[in-house]
C-alpha atoms as a PDB file:
ATOM      1  CA  MET A   1      22.533 -44.193  79.445  1.00  0.00           C
ATOM      2  CA  ALA A   2      20.666 -46.025  82.202  1.00  0.00           C
ATOM      3  CA  GLY A   3      21.716 -45.251  85.746  1.00  0.00           C
ATOM      4  CA  ALA A   4      24.036 -42.419  84.743  1.00  0.00           C
ATOM      5  CA  GLN A   5      23.447 -38.759  85.325  1.00  0.00           C
ATOM      6  CA  MET A   6      22.445 -37.042  82.129  1.00  0.00           C
ATOM      7  CA  GLU A   7      23.566 -33.447  82.072  1.00  0.00           C
ATOM      8  CA  HIS A   8      22.658 -31.815  78.794  1.00  0.00           C
ATOM      9  CA  ILE A   9      22.372 -28.118  78.226  1.00  0.00           C
ATOM     10  CA  ASN A  10      19.275 -27.341  76.199  1.00  0.00           C
ATOM     11  CA  PRO A  11      19.570 -24.136  74.156  1.00  0.00           C
ATOM     12  CA  GLY A  12      16.073 -22.986  75.138  1.00  0.00           C
ATOM     13  CA  MET A  13      16.431 -23.761  78.836  1.00  0.00           C
ATOM     14  CA  ASN A  14      18.648 -22.478  81.633  1.00  0.00           C
ATOM     15  CA  GLY A  15      20.824 -24.938  83.517  1.00  0.00           C
ATOM     16  CA  PRO A  16      21.450 -28.667  83.331  1.00  0.00           C
ATOM     17  CA  PHE A  17      18.884 -31.391  82.741  1.00  0.00           C
ATOM     18  CA  PHE A  18      18.954 -34.292  85.184  1.00  0.00           C
ATOM     19  CA  GLU A  19      17.569 -37.775  84.709  1.00  0.00           C
ATOM     20  CA  VAL A  20      13.905 -37.790  85.747  1.00  0.00           C
ATOM     21  CA  LEU A  21      12.761 -40.708  87.902  1.00  0.00           C
ATOM     22  CA  THR A  22       9.418 -41.961  89.160  1.00  0.00           C
ATOM     23  CA  ALA A  23       8.906 -42.847  92.824  1.00  0.00           C
ATOM     24  CA  GLU A  24       9.284 -46.515  91.907  1.00  0.00           C
ATOM     25  CA  GLU A  25      12.590 -45.927  90.096  1.00  0.00           C
ATOM     26  CA  LEU A  26      13.993 -43.856  92.965  1.00  0.00           C
ATOM     27  CA  ALA A  27      12.875 -46.505  95.450  1.00  0.00           C
ATOM     28  CA  GLU A  28      14.608 -49.199  93.408  1.00  0.00           C
ATOM     29  CA  ARG A  29      17.888 -47.260  93.371  1.00  0.00           C
ATOM     30  CA  TRP A  30      17.724 -46.598  97.106  1.00  0.00           C
ATOM     31  CA  ARG A  31      16.415 -50.123  97.843  1.00  0.00           C
ATOM     32  CA  VAL A  32      13.392 -48.926  99.812  1.00  0.00           C
ATOM     33  CA  PRO A  33       9.655 -49.389  99.207  1.00  0.00           C
ATOM     34  CA  ALA A  34       8.015 -46.970  96.759  1.00  0.00           C
ATOM     35  CA  THR A  35       5.416 -46.195  99.440  1.00  0.00           C
ATOM     36  CA  TRP A  36       8.223 -44.889 101.687  1.00  0.00           C
ATOM     37  CA  VAL A  37       9.445 -42.573  98.903  1.00  0.00           C
ATOM     38  CA  ARG A  38       5.918 -41.231  98.355  1.00  0.00           C
ATOM     39  CA  ASP A  39       5.429 -40.726 102.117  1.00  0.00           C
ATOM     40  CA  GLN A  40       8.681 -38.732 102.282  1.00  0.00           C
ATOM     41  CA  CYS A  41       7.282 -36.271  99.688  1.00  0.00           C
ATOM     42  CA  ARG A  42       4.235 -35.269 101.677  1.00  0.00           C
ATOM     43  CA  SER A  43       3.971 -31.755 103.057  1.00  0.00           C
ATOM     44  CA  ARG A  44       3.612 -33.105 106.622  1.00  0.00           C
ATOM     45  CA  CYS A  45       7.145 -34.500 106.389  1.00  0.00           C
ATOM     46  CA  ALA A  46       9.722 -32.375 108.257  1.00  0.00           C
ATOM     47  CA  ASP A  47      12.294 -32.600 105.431  1.00  0.00           C
ATOM     48  CA  PRO A  48      10.546 -33.863 102.280  1.00  0.00           C
ATOM     49  CA  ILE A  49      12.469 -35.380  99.387  1.00  0.00           C
ATOM     50  CA  PRO A  50      12.939 -32.694  96.695  1.00  0.00           C
ATOM     51  CA  HIS A  51      10.484 -33.472  93.929  1.00  0.00           C
ATOM     52  CA  THR A  52       8.310 -31.993  91.214  1.00  0.00           C
ATOM     53  CA  ARG A  53       4.573 -32.568  91.012  1.00  0.00           C
ATOM     54  CA  LEU A  54       3.044 -32.965  87.578  1.00  0.00           C
ATOM     55  CA  GLY A  55      -0.617 -33.134  88.494  1.00  0.00           C
ATOM     56  CA  ARG A  56      -0.977 -36.395  90.388  1.00  0.00           C
ATOM     57  CA  TYR A  57       2.458 -37.607  89.284  1.00  0.00           C
ATOM     58  CA  VAL A  58       5.625 -37.075  91.332  1.00  0.00           C
ATOM     59  CA  ARG A  59       9.047 -36.980  89.682  1.00  0.00           C
ATOM     60  CA  PHE A  60      12.601 -36.715  91.021  1.00  0.00           C
ATOM     61  CA  SER A  61      15.704 -35.179  89.417  1.00  0.00           C
ATOM     62  CA  TRP A  62      18.408 -37.833  89.826  1.00  0.00           C
ATOM     63  CA  GLY A  63      21.794 -36.221  90.403  1.00  0.00           C
ATOM     64  CA  SER A  64      20.398 -32.767  91.132  1.00  0.00           C
ATOM     65  CA  PRO A  65      22.088 -30.709  93.863  1.00  0.00           C
ATOM     66  CA  GLU A  66      18.826 -30.595  95.860  1.00  0.00           C
ATOM     67  CA  LEU A  67      18.380 -34.372  95.906  1.00  0.00           C
ATOM     68  CA  THR A  68      22.072 -34.897  96.648  1.00  0.00           C
ATOM     69  CA  GLN A  69      21.954 -32.486  99.619  1.00  0.00           C
ATOM     70  CA  TRP A  70      18.819 -34.187 100.952  1.00  0.00           C
ATOM     71  CA  TRP A  71      20.589 -37.554 100.735  1.00  0.00           C
ATOM     72  CA  ILE A  72      23.652 -36.200 102.561  1.00  0.00           C
ATOM     73  CA  ARG A  73      21.448 -34.755 105.325  1.00  0.00           C
ATOM     74  CA  ARG A  74      19.796 -38.139 105.738  1.00  0.00           C
ATOM     75  CA  GLN A  75      23.069 -40.071 105.716  1.00  0.00           C
ATOM     76  CA  TYR A  76      24.935 -37.945 108.210  1.00  0.00           C
ATOM     77  CA  GLY A  77      22.147 -36.331 110.176  1.00  0.00           C
ATOM     78  CA  ARG A  78      21.720 -32.656 110.916  1.00  0.00           C
ATOM     79  CA  LYS A  79      23.799 -32.795 114.106  1.00  0.00           C
ATOM     80  CA  GLN A  80      27.000 -33.750 112.308  1.00  0.00           C
ATOM     81  CA  LEU A  81      26.573 -31.112 109.573  1.00  0.00           C
ATOM     82  CA  ALA A  82      26.129 -28.215 112.008  1.00  0.00           C
END
């Protein structure tokens, strides 16, 4: 089911499960360098990309409401949403 949002309800977990991507996979989908994606996750960034840290690894929930809202903010800018 490559490239499609996977939304499965796991009996032992609350809520949907979204496809988990690496920084490289997210960068490929957005057609930007992986270094840019990693830079946008840093705490010094004003509006970091929503992500989960697993030790030194960073993962993204493709299709999650948080990532979708971040993308919308970036596409349209904060001025137009206000």
